N, C-alpha and C. Protein backbone atom coordinates (compact mmCIF):
# COMPACT_ATOMS: atom_id res chain seq x y z
N MET A 1 124.60 93.74 119.18
CA MET A 1 123.35 93.95 120.42
C MET A 1 123.70 92.97 121.58
N SER A 2 123.14 93.33 122.44
CA SER A 2 123.03 93.06 124.15
C SER A 2 122.26 92.00 124.04
N PRO A 3 122.04 90.44 124.54
CA PRO A 3 121.27 89.97 124.81
C PRO A 3 119.95 90.22 125.30
N ARG A 4 120.04 91.45 126.13
CA ARG A 4 118.76 91.93 126.46
C ARG A 4 118.20 92.73 125.83
N HIS A 5 118.86 93.33 125.25
CA HIS A 5 118.62 94.44 123.74
C HIS A 5 117.72 93.81 122.66
N HIS A 6 118.51 92.57 122.11
CA HIS A 6 117.79 91.60 121.27
C HIS A 6 116.61 90.93 121.88
N ALA A 7 116.71 90.64 122.95
CA ALA A 7 115.40 89.71 123.53
C ALA A 7 114.47 90.83 123.35
N LEU A 8 114.63 92.78 123.66
CA LEU A 8 113.69 93.04 123.76
C LEU A 8 113.35 93.35 122.29
N LEU A 9 113.73 93.20 121.17
CA LEU A 9 113.77 93.50 120.10
C LEU A 9 112.90 92.34 119.45
N ASP A 10 112.76 90.88 120.09
CA ASP A 10 112.14 89.99 119.75
C ASP A 10 110.36 90.10 120.11
N ARG A 11 110.37 90.64 121.78
CA ARG A 11 109.18 90.84 122.13
C ARG A 11 108.37 91.83 121.46
N LEU A 12 109.29 92.91 121.44
CA LEU A 12 108.02 94.37 120.34
C LEU A 12 107.90 93.64 118.95
N GLY A 13 108.90 92.60 118.61
CA GLY A 13 108.35 92.39 116.94
C GLY A 13 107.38 91.42 117.55
N ALA A 14 107.23 90.41 117.88
CA ALA A 14 106.34 89.27 118.35
C ALA A 14 105.34 90.04 118.89
N THR A 15 104.88 91.21 119.65
CA THR A 15 103.82 91.39 120.32
C THR A 15 103.50 92.78 118.76
N GLY A 16 103.79 93.15 118.11
CA GLY A 16 103.75 94.18 116.86
C GLY A 16 103.08 93.08 115.47
N SER A 17 103.44 92.03 115.81
CA SER A 17 103.20 91.19 114.69
C SER A 17 101.97 90.28 114.89
N LEU A 18 101.84 89.69 116.68
CA LEU A 18 100.42 89.26 117.13
C LEU A 18 99.59 90.29 116.94
N LEU A 19 99.98 91.66 117.18
CA LEU A 19 98.61 92.73 117.09
C LEU A 19 98.35 93.12 115.73
N CYS A 20 99.46 93.00 114.71
CA CYS A 20 99.09 93.37 113.66
C CYS A 20 98.13 92.19 112.73
N ALA A 21 98.16 90.80 113.47
CA ALA A 21 97.71 89.45 112.44
C ALA A 21 96.02 89.54 113.65
N LEU A 22 96.03 89.84 114.40
CA LEU A 22 94.78 90.31 115.16
C LEU A 22 93.89 91.39 114.46
N HIS A 23 94.34 92.40 114.02
CA HIS A 23 94.13 93.60 113.51
C HIS A 23 93.61 93.18 111.98
N CYS A 24 94.32 92.08 111.31
CA CYS A 24 93.78 91.69 110.13
C CYS A 24 92.49 90.68 110.20
N ALA A 25 92.58 90.27 111.25
CA ALA A 25 91.79 89.05 111.61
C ALA A 25 90.05 89.99 111.59
N LEU A 26 90.26 91.03 112.65
CA LEU A 26 89.34 92.15 113.26
C LEU A 26 88.96 93.43 111.62
N LEU A 27 89.88 93.01 110.80
CA LEU A 27 89.71 94.43 109.87
C LEU A 27 87.93 94.17 109.07
N PRO A 28 88.00 92.84 108.47
CA PRO A 28 86.62 92.74 107.64
C PRO A 28 85.46 93.30 108.68
N VAL A 29 85.35 92.95 109.81
CA VAL A 29 84.48 93.09 110.89
C VAL A 29 84.38 95.27 111.01
N VAL A 30 85.35 95.46 111.27
CA VAL A 30 85.74 96.86 111.48
C VAL A 30 85.40 97.81 110.13
N ILE A 31 85.33 97.12 108.66
CA ILE A 31 85.37 97.88 107.58
C ILE A 31 84.07 98.22 107.48
N ALA A 32 83.50 96.86 107.94
CA ALA A 32 81.59 96.79 107.65
C ALA A 32 80.96 97.88 108.49
N LEU A 33 81.74 98.01 109.72
CA LEU A 33 81.38 98.73 110.72
C LEU A 33 81.60 100.68 110.74
N LEU A 34 82.82 100.73 110.01
CA LEU A 34 83.10 102.24 109.68
C LEU A 34 82.37 103.19 109.21
N PRO A 35 81.86 102.85 107.89
CA PRO A 35 81.30 103.69 107.19
C PRO A 35 79.40 104.36 108.24
N SER A 36 79.39 103.44 108.69
CA SER A 36 78.11 103.80 109.67
C SER A 36 78.63 104.61 110.67
N ILE A 37 79.99 104.95 111.03
CA ILE A 37 80.64 106.08 112.22
C ILE A 37 81.26 106.62 111.41
N GLY A 38 81.51 106.79 110.34
CA GLY A 38 81.95 107.55 109.10
C GLY A 38 83.81 107.73 109.20
N LEU A 39 84.33 106.50 110.20
CA LEU A 39 85.54 106.71 110.14
C LEU A 39 86.22 105.64 109.09
N ALA A 40 85.60 105.72 107.89
CA ALA A 40 86.28 104.80 106.70
C ALA A 40 87.93 105.18 106.42
N GLY A 41 88.22 106.12 106.42
CA GLY A 41 89.41 106.39 105.79
C GLY A 41 90.25 106.39 106.93
N LEU A 42 90.58 105.75 108.34
CA LEU A 42 91.35 105.65 108.89
C LEU A 42 92.16 104.55 108.91
N LEU A 43 91.68 103.16 107.97
CA LEU A 43 92.49 102.38 107.71
C LEU A 43 92.98 101.98 106.40
N GLY A 44 93.58 102.94 106.01
CA GLY A 44 93.93 103.19 104.55
C GLY A 44 95.11 102.07 104.41
N GLU A 45 95.39 102.37 103.20
CA GLU A 45 96.46 101.08 102.58
C GLU A 45 97.78 101.31 102.85
N ARG A 46 97.91 102.96 103.33
CA ARG A 46 99.70 103.24 103.78
C ARG A 46 99.63 102.89 105.13
N ILE A 47 98.83 102.44 106.38
CA ILE A 47 99.01 101.60 107.68
C ILE A 47 99.01 100.49 107.54
N GLU A 48 98.86 99.68 106.30
CA GLU A 48 98.82 98.28 106.11
C GLU A 48 100.26 98.02 105.86
N VAL A 49 100.96 99.15 104.81
CA VAL A 49 102.03 98.78 104.30
C VAL A 49 102.92 99.12 105.35
N ALA A 50 102.66 100.23 106.09
CA ALA A 50 103.62 100.45 107.08
C ALA A 50 103.68 99.26 108.40
N PHE A 51 102.43 98.58 108.46
CA PHE A 51 103.00 97.31 109.21
C PHE A 51 103.67 96.24 108.43
N VAL A 52 103.28 96.15 107.40
CA VAL A 52 104.40 95.18 106.81
C VAL A 52 105.89 95.62 106.79
N LEU A 53 106.28 96.72 106.50
CA LEU A 53 107.60 97.17 106.60
C LEU A 53 108.08 97.12 107.77
N PHE A 54 107.12 98.02 108.99
CA PHE A 54 107.92 97.53 110.28
C PHE A 54 108.19 96.02 110.35
N ALA A 55 107.39 94.90 110.22
CA ALA A 55 107.24 93.38 110.64
C ALA A 55 108.53 93.54 109.87
N SER A 56 108.56 93.39 108.96
CA SER A 56 110.08 93.00 107.85
C SER A 56 111.30 93.45 108.24
N ALA A 57 111.40 95.17 108.72
CA ALA A 57 112.54 95.33 109.22
C ALA A 57 113.05 94.76 110.24
N VAL A 58 112.08 95.04 111.30
CA VAL A 58 112.48 94.38 112.65
C VAL A 58 112.87 92.69 112.97
N GLY A 59 111.68 92.20 112.29
CA GLY A 59 111.77 90.59 111.87
C GLY A 59 113.12 89.92 111.30
N LEU A 60 113.62 90.76 110.29
CA LEU A 60 114.60 90.28 109.42
C LEU A 60 115.83 90.54 110.13
N TYR A 61 115.88 91.67 110.81
CA TYR A 61 117.12 92.28 111.82
C TYR A 61 117.28 91.53 112.93
N SER A 62 116.05 91.05 113.34
CA SER A 62 116.20 90.48 114.75
C SER A 62 116.29 89.13 114.56
N LEU A 63 116.08 88.46 113.70
CA LEU A 63 116.13 87.11 113.13
C LEU A 63 117.03 86.79 112.85
N VAL A 64 117.82 87.11 111.79
CA VAL A 64 118.90 87.38 111.14
C VAL A 64 119.87 87.40 112.60
N SER A 65 120.29 88.25 113.42
CA SER A 65 120.78 88.17 114.34
C SER A 65 120.96 87.64 115.25
N GLY A 66 120.13 86.81 115.23
CA GLY A 66 119.84 85.69 116.46
C GLY A 66 120.26 84.54 115.67
N TYR A 67 119.96 84.44 114.49
CA TYR A 67 120.80 82.90 113.94
C TYR A 67 121.99 83.06 113.87
N ARG A 68 122.74 84.58 114.20
CA ARG A 68 124.11 84.09 114.43
C ARG A 68 124.95 83.73 115.33
N ARG A 69 123.77 84.28 116.33
CA ARG A 69 124.13 83.61 117.70
C ARG A 69 123.75 82.22 117.76
N HIS A 70 122.61 81.61 117.66
CA HIS A 70 121.98 80.13 117.74
C HIS A 70 122.52 79.17 116.80
N ARG A 71 122.41 79.63 115.37
CA ARG A 71 122.55 79.00 114.37
C ARG A 71 121.40 77.82 114.13
N LEU A 72 120.14 78.31 114.39
CA LEU A 72 119.17 77.24 114.47
C LEU A 72 118.09 78.04 113.27
N TRP A 73 117.64 77.35 112.61
CA TRP A 73 116.98 77.53 111.18
C TRP A 73 115.65 77.84 111.51
N GLN A 74 114.84 77.40 112.73
CA GLN A 74 113.66 77.27 112.76
C GLN A 74 112.33 78.48 112.69
N ALA A 75 113.42 79.72 113.45
CA ALA A 75 112.32 80.82 113.73
C ALA A 75 112.73 81.22 112.01
N LEU A 76 113.16 81.27 111.50
CA LEU A 76 113.99 82.11 110.35
C LEU A 76 112.64 81.20 109.38
N ALA A 77 112.44 79.88 109.64
CA ALA A 77 111.68 78.84 108.51
C ALA A 77 110.14 79.18 108.88
N LEU A 78 109.73 79.85 110.13
CA LEU A 78 108.74 80.42 109.97
C LEU A 78 108.38 81.90 109.56
N MET A 79 109.66 82.87 109.70
CA MET A 79 109.44 84.28 109.56
C MET A 79 109.39 84.05 108.00
N LEU A 80 110.14 83.55 107.16
CA LEU A 80 110.23 84.06 106.07
C LEU A 80 109.17 84.04 105.22
N PRO A 81 108.22 82.53 105.45
CA PRO A 81 106.78 82.20 104.66
C PRO A 81 105.77 83.25 105.03
N GLY A 82 105.63 83.80 106.29
CA GLY A 82 105.28 84.71 107.17
C GLY A 82 105.26 86.03 106.12
N LEU A 83 106.27 86.54 105.88
CA LEU A 83 106.66 87.78 105.55
C LEU A 83 106.36 87.61 104.03
N LEU A 84 106.96 86.64 103.30
CA LEU A 84 105.94 86.09 102.15
C LEU A 84 104.38 86.42 101.79
N ILE A 85 103.85 85.64 102.95
CA ILE A 85 102.65 85.95 102.90
C ILE A 85 101.86 87.15 103.02
N LEU A 86 102.65 88.20 103.84
CA LEU A 86 102.34 89.51 104.25
C LEU A 86 102.33 90.35 102.86
N TRP A 87 103.51 90.29 102.22
CA TRP A 87 103.81 91.03 100.97
C TRP A 87 102.47 90.32 99.92
N VAL A 88 102.86 89.26 99.44
CA VAL A 88 101.89 89.03 98.52
C VAL A 88 100.44 89.63 99.01
N GLY A 89 100.33 89.87 100.20
CA GLY A 89 98.40 89.89 100.53
C GLY A 89 98.73 91.14 100.02
N ILE A 90 99.40 92.26 100.37
CA ILE A 90 99.32 93.66 100.22
C ILE A 90 99.91 93.88 98.57
N LEU A 91 100.60 93.11 98.26
CA LEU A 91 100.87 93.73 97.08
C LEU A 91 100.30 92.88 95.45
N TYR A 92 99.74 91.94 95.62
CA TYR A 92 99.05 90.90 94.56
C TYR A 92 97.53 91.86 94.69
N PRO A 93 96.96 92.56 93.46
CA PRO A 93 95.93 93.57 93.56
C PRO A 93 94.46 92.03 93.78
N PRO A 94 94.44 90.99 93.35
CA PRO A 94 93.54 90.19 92.74
C PRO A 94 93.34 89.47 94.46
N LEU A 95 94.28 89.45 95.26
CA LEU A 95 94.25 88.90 96.55
C LEU A 95 93.92 90.53 97.54
N HIS A 96 94.30 91.05 97.47
CA HIS A 96 94.31 92.83 98.01
C HIS A 96 92.79 93.25 98.17
N GLN A 97 92.40 92.94 96.91
CA GLN A 97 91.03 93.47 96.84
C GLN A 97 89.80 92.34 97.33
N ALA A 98 90.29 91.09 97.39
CA ALA A 98 89.09 89.92 97.83
C ALA A 98 89.24 90.22 99.72
N GLN A 99 88.38 90.68 100.04
CA GLN A 99 88.52 91.16 101.68
C GLN A 99 88.89 90.11 102.39
N TRP A 100 87.78 89.02 102.22
CA TRP A 100 88.37 87.96 103.28
C TRP A 100 89.16 86.93 103.08
N VAL A 101 89.61 87.00 101.68
CA VAL A 101 90.89 86.36 101.42
C VAL A 101 92.24 86.66 101.86
N HIS A 102 91.77 88.44 101.71
CA HIS A 102 93.26 89.24 102.31
C HIS A 102 93.53 89.29 103.74
N ALA A 103 91.97 89.21 104.64
CA ALA A 103 92.30 89.25 105.54
C ALA A 103 93.20 87.99 106.36
N GLY A 104 92.38 86.60 105.67
CA GLY A 104 93.14 85.29 106.05
C GLY A 104 94.67 85.63 105.80
N MET A 105 94.57 85.78 104.87
CA MET A 105 96.42 85.90 104.53
C MET A 105 97.04 86.72 105.39
N MET A 106 96.87 88.00 105.93
CA MET A 106 97.29 89.01 106.73
C MET A 106 97.21 88.23 108.17
N THR A 107 96.46 87.43 108.32
CA THR A 107 96.29 87.12 109.80
C THR A 107 97.35 85.70 109.48
N VAL A 108 97.31 85.06 108.68
CA VAL A 108 98.29 83.90 108.88
C VAL A 108 99.73 84.52 108.64
N GLY A 109 99.80 85.03 108.06
CA GLY A 109 101.45 85.69 107.90
C GLY A 109 102.37 86.47 109.47
N GLY A 110 101.00 87.35 109.58
CA GLY A 110 101.34 88.04 111.34
C GLY A 110 101.69 86.98 112.26
N THR A 111 100.81 85.99 111.87
CA THR A 111 101.02 85.11 113.07
C THR A 111 102.17 84.51 113.17
N LEU A 112 102.51 83.91 111.76
CA LEU A 112 103.61 83.55 111.29
C LEU A 112 104.95 84.45 112.04
N VAL A 113 105.11 85.39 111.72
CA VAL A 113 105.81 86.68 112.00
C VAL A 113 106.47 86.66 113.73
N GLY A 114 105.09 86.56 114.05
CA GLY A 114 104.89 86.93 115.68
C GLY A 114 105.76 85.43 116.22
N LEU A 115 105.12 84.36 115.77
CA LEU A 115 105.64 82.99 116.00
C LEU A 115 107.10 82.74 115.78
N ALA A 116 107.20 83.41 115.00
CA ALA A 116 108.97 83.26 114.65
C ALA A 116 109.84 83.90 115.89
N HIS A 117 109.33 85.45 116.01
CA HIS A 117 109.93 85.85 117.11
C HIS A 117 109.84 85.31 118.41
N LEU A 118 108.79 84.84 118.63
CA LEU A 118 108.42 83.93 120.11
C LEU A 118 109.66 82.66 120.19
N ALA A 119 109.73 82.02 118.98
CA ALA A 119 110.31 80.75 118.79
C ALA A 119 112.23 81.60 118.82
N ASN A 120 112.56 82.75 118.01
CA ASN A 120 113.62 82.98 117.97
C ASN A 120 114.16 83.50 119.81
N LEU A 121 113.08 84.17 120.09
CA LEU A 121 113.48 84.86 121.85
C LEU A 121 113.55 83.54 122.70
N ARG A 122 113.03 82.36 122.41
CA ARG A 122 113.00 80.69 122.89
C ARG A 122 114.66 80.57 122.80
N MET A 123 114.90 80.12 121.30
CA MET A 123 116.29 80.03 121.68
C MET A 123 117.38 81.00 122.19
N ASN A 124 117.22 82.18 121.73
CA ASN A 124 118.38 83.02 122.19
C ASN A 124 118.38 82.69 123.39
N ALA A 125 117.29 82.59 124.25
CA ALA A 125 117.71 82.67 125.49
C ALA A 125 118.14 81.21 126.22
N GLY A 126 118.22 79.65 125.00
CA GLY A 126 118.94 78.71 125.44
C GLY A 126 119.83 78.52 125.33
N HIS A 127 120.69 79.71 124.71
CA HIS A 127 122.13 79.84 123.87
C HIS A 127 122.92 80.72 125.04
N VAL A 128 124.27 79.83 125.44
CA VAL A 128 125.13 80.45 126.24
C VAL A 128 126.26 80.84 125.72
N HIS A 129 126.90 81.93 125.94
CA HIS A 129 128.18 82.20 125.67
C HIS A 129 129.36 82.19 126.31
N GLY A 130 130.05 81.86 125.79
CA GLY A 130 131.55 82.17 126.42
C GLY A 130 132.28 80.44 126.73
N PRO A 131 133.29 80.54 127.43
CA PRO A 131 134.35 79.53 128.00
C PRO A 131 133.18 78.87 129.33
N SER A 132 132.71 79.63 129.87
CA SER A 132 132.17 79.90 130.95
C SER A 132 131.02 78.55 131.23
N CYS A 133 130.39 78.22 129.73
CA CYS A 133 129.41 77.20 129.65
C CYS A 133 130.00 76.03 130.01
N ALA A 134 131.38 75.69 129.95
CA ALA A 134 131.76 74.30 130.20
C ALA A 134 131.77 73.51 131.45
N HIS A 135 131.15 74.60 132.48
CA HIS A 135 131.10 73.59 133.77
C HIS A 135 130.55 72.63 133.90
């Protein structure tokens, strides 16, 4: 993958993950308001699972390929706990059903994934290829 495409993928992942974190932070407020406007069915579990699947696929692909370029582990150290928190938040029923705990976990997990993308983007920008870097 070209460096330009890799940077675009990290920007997409960071934006998506941080939007997901914002969504999760605001979700309890929105859920409280939805019945009053008749839109409670719009934020079902399928959307949440789709967000986590997307974050996992884009994040792991982008960060593993980034790691292969720059050999720095810091972005993965943010990504892996972030994804673990997201998956536990949607798959472990006691946490999934505790609305405020769930929202907090999803916010923290999404934020970690977004920060991992930003760290990977920074590390890739600092990485120089080839013999021309010896000047």
